[in-house]
Amino acid sequence: MRKQSPSFVFAALLIAAIILFSPLLGAQQSRQQTPPQLQPPAGEQLLLEVHAKGDQIYTCKGDAAQFAWTLKAPDARLFDKDGKLFGKHFTGPSWEASDGSRVTGKAVANVPSPDADSIPWLLVNIISHNGSGILSRVTSIQRLNTKGGKAPGSGCDAAHANQELRVGYSADYLFYAPK
């Protein structure tokens, strides 16, 4: 049996480490790419992360001179990391967990999505809590990794006044609570 050189063994171990830890490095890199204006306050820590899949609902609003699609409400289901239904996201904007706890927020910062056809990324401060449960401690939320959901640039005119349009979207919502 031939003896392997120390440099060969080191290279093999290095390659194995890169393969094993690259998914973790990718997740950390994704967190680092969040724009600074969307960072939660320093005294908060990540409580949970869910994935949303649903619609952004728009209404055609305007007057005789100008019409535009205006956001009416989100309508999405929220799923945990295992794909299990966690809750829902709806008018408010509000998020409600399956345990009945609910928060309503107000966007305080937004950044265009890296995907030009998607709704912006957001930082949301919580303005009210209802119920006791997982969301009862949440103080801010990030909306990241958006896909779709953007209002169309046309199709809203006097002939379509007050019509609703649902545009499919997905996003990741990261919930933060005090440390």
Protein backbone atom coordinates (compact mmCIF):
# COMPACT_ATOMS: atom_id res chain seq x y z
CA MET A 1 0.00 0.00 0.00
CA ARG A 2 1.32 3.39 -1.03
CA LYS A 3 1.68 6.08 1.64
CA GLN A 4 -0.09 9.42 0.84
CA SER A 5 1.86 12.67 1.12
CA PRO A 6 0.79 15.08 3.89
CA SER A 7 -0.17 17.74 1.30
CA PHE A 8 -2.49 15.27 -0.46
CA VAL A 9 -4.18 14.38 2.84
CA PHE A 10 -4.54 18.07 3.75
CA ALA A 11 -6.07 18.88 0.34
CA ALA A 12 -8.52 15.99 0.65
CA LEU A 13 -9.59 17.12 4.14
CA LEU A 14 -9.96 20.72 2.94
CA ILE A 15 -12.19 19.66 0.03
CA ALA A 16 -14.31 17.52 2.37
CA ALA A 17 -14.71 20.46 4.79
CA ILE A 18 -15.77 22.79 1.98
CA ILE A 19 -18.37 20.29 0.76
CA LEU A 20 -19.72 19.69 4.28
CA PHE A 21 -19.88 23.32 5.40
CA SER A 22 -20.75 25.15 2.16
CA PRO A 23 -24.54 25.06 2.84
CA LEU A 24 -23.92 26.78 6.19
CA LEU A 25 -21.64 29.33 4.60
CA GLY A 26 -24.29 30.02 1.95
CA ALA A 27 -26.95 30.72 4.58
CA GLN A 28 -24.62 33.07 6.44
CA GLN A 29 -23.69 34.81 3.19
CA SER A 30 -27.40 35.30 2.40
CA ARG A 31 -27.91 37.01 5.79
CA GLN A 32 -24.92 39.27 5.14
CA GLN A 33 -26.42 40.41 1.83
CA THR A 34 -29.44 41.95 3.57
CA PRO A 35 -29.20 45.71 2.98
CA PRO A 36 -28.17 47.70 6.08
CA GLN A 37 -31.38 49.77 6.15
CA LEU A 38 -33.37 46.54 6.60
CA GLN A 39 -31.43 45.30 9.62
CA PRO A 40 -33.53 44.89 12.79
CA PRO A 41 -32.59 46.95 15.86
CA ALA A 42 -29.41 45.87 17.66
CA GLY A 43 -31.27 44.54 20.72
CA GLU A 44 -33.23 41.98 18.71
CA GLN A 45 -32.51 38.41 17.66
CA LEU A 46 -34.03 36.13 15.05
CA LEU A 47 -36.98 34.25 16.53
CA LEU A 48 -38.25 32.39 13.47
CA GLU A 49 -38.33 32.37 9.69
CA VAL A 50 -41.28 31.40 7.49
CA HIS A 51 -41.90 31.24 3.76
CA ALA A 52 -44.98 32.91 2.29
CA LYS A 53 -46.81 31.85 -0.82
CA GLY A 54 -49.90 33.70 -2.00
CA ASP A 55 -51.04 36.91 -3.67
CA GLN A 56 -50.71 40.65 -3.47
CA ILE A 57 -54.19 42.08 -4.14
CA TYR A 58 -54.38 45.35 -6.08
CA THR A 59 -57.35 47.62 -6.85
CA CYS A 60 -57.55 49.95 -9.85
CA LYS A 61 -57.98 53.42 -8.33
CA GLY A 62 -57.98 56.88 -9.80
CA ASP A 63 -59.79 59.94 -10.94
CA ALA A 64 -60.66 61.23 -14.40
CA ALA A 65 -57.03 62.09 -15.14
CA GLN A 66 -54.93 59.26 -13.73
CA PHE A 67 -55.40 55.64 -12.68
CA ALA A 68 -53.00 53.20 -11.02
CA TRP A 69 -52.99 49.80 -9.34
CA THR A 70 -53.01 50.34 -5.55
CA LEU A 71 -52.15 47.66 -3.01
CA LYS A 72 -55.25 46.54 -1.16
CA ALA A 73 -53.83 43.66 0.89
CA PRO A 74 -51.60 40.62 0.94
CA ASP A 75 -53.21 37.18 1.07
CA ALA A 76 -50.67 34.45 1.74
CA ARG A 77 -50.11 31.25 3.65
CA LEU A 78 -47.00 30.96 5.80
CA PHE A 79 -44.95 27.76 5.97
CA ASP A 80 -42.20 26.71 8.40
CA LYS A 81 -38.82 25.31 7.31
CA ASP A 82 -40.32 21.82 7.01
CA GLY A 83 -43.11 23.02 4.69
CA LYS A 84 -45.76 22.70 7.43
CA LEU A 85 -48.48 25.37 7.53
CA PHE A 86 -47.49 27.98 10.13
CA GLY A 87 -50.18 30.62 9.64
CA LYS A 88 -51.30 33.40 7.33
CA HIS A 89 -50.47 36.95 6.19
CA PHE A 90 -53.30 39.37 5.42
CA THR A 91 -54.63 42.95 5.60
CA GLY A 92 -53.00 45.17 8.17
CA PRO A 93 -50.40 44.10 7.27
CA SER A 94 -50.89 41.30 9.77
CA TRP A 95 -49.35 37.90 10.39
CA GLU A 96 -51.19 35.23 12.37
CA ALA A 97 -49.71 31.96 13.63
CA SER A 98 -51.71 28.74 13.89
CA ASP A 99 -51.61 29.15 17.69
CA GLY A 100 -53.78 32.30 17.35
CA SER A 101 -51.10 34.86 18.13
CA ARG A 102 -51.13 37.79 15.72
CA VAL A 103 -49.08 40.91 15.00
CA THR A 104 -49.80 43.96 12.87
CA GLY A 105 -46.98 46.07 11.53
CA LYS A 106 -45.96 49.21 9.70
CA ALA A 107 -43.21 49.28 7.08
CA VAL A 108 -40.35 51.55 8.17
CA ALA A 109 -37.83 50.82 5.39
CA ASN A 110 -37.86 49.27 1.94
CA VAL A 111 -35.30 48.38 -0.70
CA PRO A 112 -36.04 47.32 -4.27
CA SER A 113 -35.83 43.56 -4.76
CA PRO A 114 -32.77 42.39 -6.69
CA ASP A 115 -35.42 40.85 -9.00
CA ALA A 116 -36.89 43.84 -10.89
CA ASP A 117 -40.21 42.00 -11.37
CA SER A 118 -40.72 41.50 -7.61
CA ILE A 119 -42.09 43.54 -4.74
CA PRO A 120 -39.56 45.33 -2.50
CA TRP A 121 -37.81 43.92 0.53
CA LEU A 122 -39.05 45.47 3.79
CA LEU A 123 -38.35 46.11 7.44
CA VAL A 124 -41.59 46.24 9.44
CA ASN A 125 -42.03 47.47 13.01
CA ILE A 126 -44.78 45.80 15.02
CA ILE A 127 -47.47 48.23 16.18
CA SER A 128 -49.89 45.79 17.84
CA HIS A 129 -50.07 42.27 19.29
CA ASN A 130 -53.08 39.98 19.81
CA GLY A 131 -53.15 36.69 21.66
CA SER A 132 -50.41 34.83 23.45
CA GLY A 133 -48.21 32.50 21.47
CA ILE A 134 -45.15 32.43 19.27
CA LEU A 135 -45.72 35.90 17.77
CA SER A 136 -46.44 37.62 21.11
CA ARG A 137 -42.76 38.64 21.53
CA VAL A 138 -42.14 39.78 17.93
CA THR A 139 -41.03 43.41 17.56
CA SER A 140 -39.93 43.56 13.92
CA ILE A 141 -40.14 41.59 10.68
CA GLN A 142 -38.02 41.48 7.53
CA ARG A 143 -39.52 40.58 4.15
CA LEU A 144 -36.73 39.20 1.95
CA ASN A 145 -36.18 37.06 -1.15
CA THR A 146 -39.36 38.24 -2.85
CA LYS A 147 -40.49 36.66 -6.12
CA GLY A 148 -43.34 38.28 -8.07
CA GLY A 149 -46.20 40.23 -6.52
CA LYS A 150 -45.52 43.48 -8.34
CA ALA A 151 -48.48 45.46 -9.72
CA PRO A 152 -48.61 45.58 -13.50
CA GLY A 153 -47.57 48.82 -15.16
CA SER A 154 -50.71 48.97 -17.30
CA GLY A 155 -54.31 47.79 -17.50
CA CYS A 156 -55.69 50.22 -14.94
CA ASP A 157 -57.90 52.85 -16.55
CA ALA A 158 -61.43 54.28 -16.28
CA ALA A 159 -62.86 51.10 -17.82
CA HIS A 160 -61.26 49.02 -15.01
CA ALA A 161 -61.94 51.37 -12.07
CA ASN A 162 -62.36 49.51 -8.76
CA GLN A 163 -61.48 46.14 -10.28
CA GLU A 164 -59.24 43.86 -8.24
CA LEU A 165 -56.23 41.98 -9.51
CA ARG A 166 -54.35 39.22 -7.68
CA VAL A 167 -50.63 38.87 -8.42
CA GLY A 168 -48.87 35.74 -7.13
CA TYR A 169 -45.80 36.14 -4.94
CA SER A 170 -43.54 34.40 -2.51
CA ALA A 171 -41.21 35.79 0.15
CA ASP A 172 -39.33 34.93 3.30
CA TYR A 173 -40.47 36.61 6.53
CA LEU A 174 -37.97 36.76 9.39
CA PHE A 175 -39.47 37.54 12.79
CA TYR A 176 -37.32 39.24 15.46
CA ALA A 177 -37.81 39.58 19.22
CA PRO A 178 -35.80 41.19 22.04
CA LYS A 179 -32.73 39.27 23.17
